[in-house]
Amino acid sequence: MMVFVVIIPFAGALLSLFSPGKMKEYVGMAAAAATCLIVMLLAFIPGGAVEFHHSLGGWASPLGIRLHVDGLSIIFLLLTAVTGLLVTLYAGPYFNSPQEEKTDDWHFWPLWLLLLGGLNSLYISADIFNMYILLELISLAAVALTTLTGRAEALIAALRYLMAAMMGSLVFLLGVAFLYAEYGILDIGGLGLLLETNPSTITAFGLMVFGMLIKTALLPFHFWLPAAHGNAPAPVSAILSALVVKGSYFMTLRIWFQIFPSVTTYSAAQFLGGLGALAILWGSFQAVRQKRLKLLVAHSTVSQIGYLFLLFPLTIAQVSGEQDVSWNMQAWTGGICQAVSHASAKAALFLAVGNIIHALGTDRLISLRDIKGRLPLTVFTIGIAGVSLMGLPPSGGFVAKWMLLNAVISSGQWWWIPVIVLGSLLTAGYVFLMLGHTFAPSRRNVALQSVPRTLEICAFTLALGAVFIGFTTSGIIDLLRMEFHAVPIPDAVSWRMPW
């Protein structure tokens, strides 16, 4: 069953590329729905998630292709499948409606399905060279999607995005080369057991993490993100912000906790946490200063990514062998809840902004005046998604930040507390800035273009999902405890999460 989450989107991409007219959209929706169904079966049917091994060209493992699912994979597969399906349902009527962001939708469907297949493959791959290939595929598809509007701003942003993505990939590949030269294998589980602390291994670790930081747009490598996310069509912005940056973050988790657990240090984890803290404050501060909605939401992504990297300093004690499983697990659950709830809330916000652009023809904040009564569901969507971003109960964002705060207090790393609190206050500032404009009276009555109901419902469903995640914490914890054993390689190895 596992292989179908890879085959279906790739086959759909090929089929939609050669399909005529409206058929591209039908193929895209069918492939996204089928992929979501398979992921659901994989996640919730006992025995659905099993290890799959394929020997490419007759090469046995560790050189062959091995697909591997654990709890972390399932969480990111579910995140991608559900969010991707709702964005797909939104994209159909969005591209069919006359609005300002009218784009070349002919290429959206094959590129989106290619990206979907790349993300799914990344989450179940057990080989770091295959992961490099998939990262390249995801980056190229994402850059191409960024250019769909054809505007000069989008092309410049895409070029900057391409340069950053290529730099990240090359640095990551150099780290892979160091590892292969030292140990002769590329399997994640095998490397996790064989690694020794020596200059070659430490260099590989630094290069691979550095490459992923560029791709995840962690400050100060965020220079490409606001323009790329802010100038793409609304469904593409949602895909980039909710899903694509999560792919490289997932890779960072694999590198840190499963390949290099014996190399990571307290100082390195504090450094990553420090960059995350700067991202939280700087991204939120820049979001408050924006005059355009899409740029505001894009800078919010820079900020929310910072919370994801607080996970590293809060788990390093467990990785280094010290005993305090309870707060370690809270940090893990908080970090993963933040990744999932942010994906849902940010996709909802970008789709809501797409609705506003459709209705008003612009995303300037000042143009939102007095639309609360004329676009009530879209304004409500912004409010609900904002609740999760601010970390208010009972949303997924609240659970994430609450667990991170508990882990901070329990671990004695009190210096992260003002960052989390101040970041939440700044988030409240830009969320209320958006909502405040929708309630402000307007001096002139601006005509609104009717927004298709499907567009509003898709955005609203994603916003509700960000809140619903707050009620599924026990399920996330159960999935994070799931272990699988990687046996096909010689000297059988097993991998497990660090608790």
Foldseek 3Di string as FASTA:
>chain_A
DLCLLQVLLLVLLVVLLPDDDPVSLVSLLVSLVVSLVLLCCLQPPVPSFDKDFDAPPVNFPPVGWTFHDFLVLSLLSNLLSVLVNLLSLLVSVLQVDDFLQNWDCSNVRSLSSQLSSLLNRLSGTQFVVVNLVSLVSNQVSLLVQQCGSVDPLSPVLSVVSNVLLVQLSVLLVVLQVLQCVVPVGGGLQVLLVPDDDDPSNLSSLVSNLVSLCLQLLQPPNVVSFLSSLLRGQLSSSLCCLQRRSVSSVVVNQSSPFRNPLVHDDLVVLVVLLVSLLCQLVVLLVVLLVDQFQRSSLRSLSSNLVSLLSLLRNLQNCLSVPHDDVVLNLLSVLLNSLSSSLSSLLSSLSSLLLNQVCRWQVGRGLLSLAQCCVVPVLSLVLLVLSLCLSLLHPLFSNVSSLVSSVVSCVVVVVCVCVVSNNVSSVSSVSSSCSSSVRNHHHDPDDGGTDDGPPSSSVSSSVSSVVRRVSSVCSVVSSVSLQTFDWDARDPPTGGTHGSD
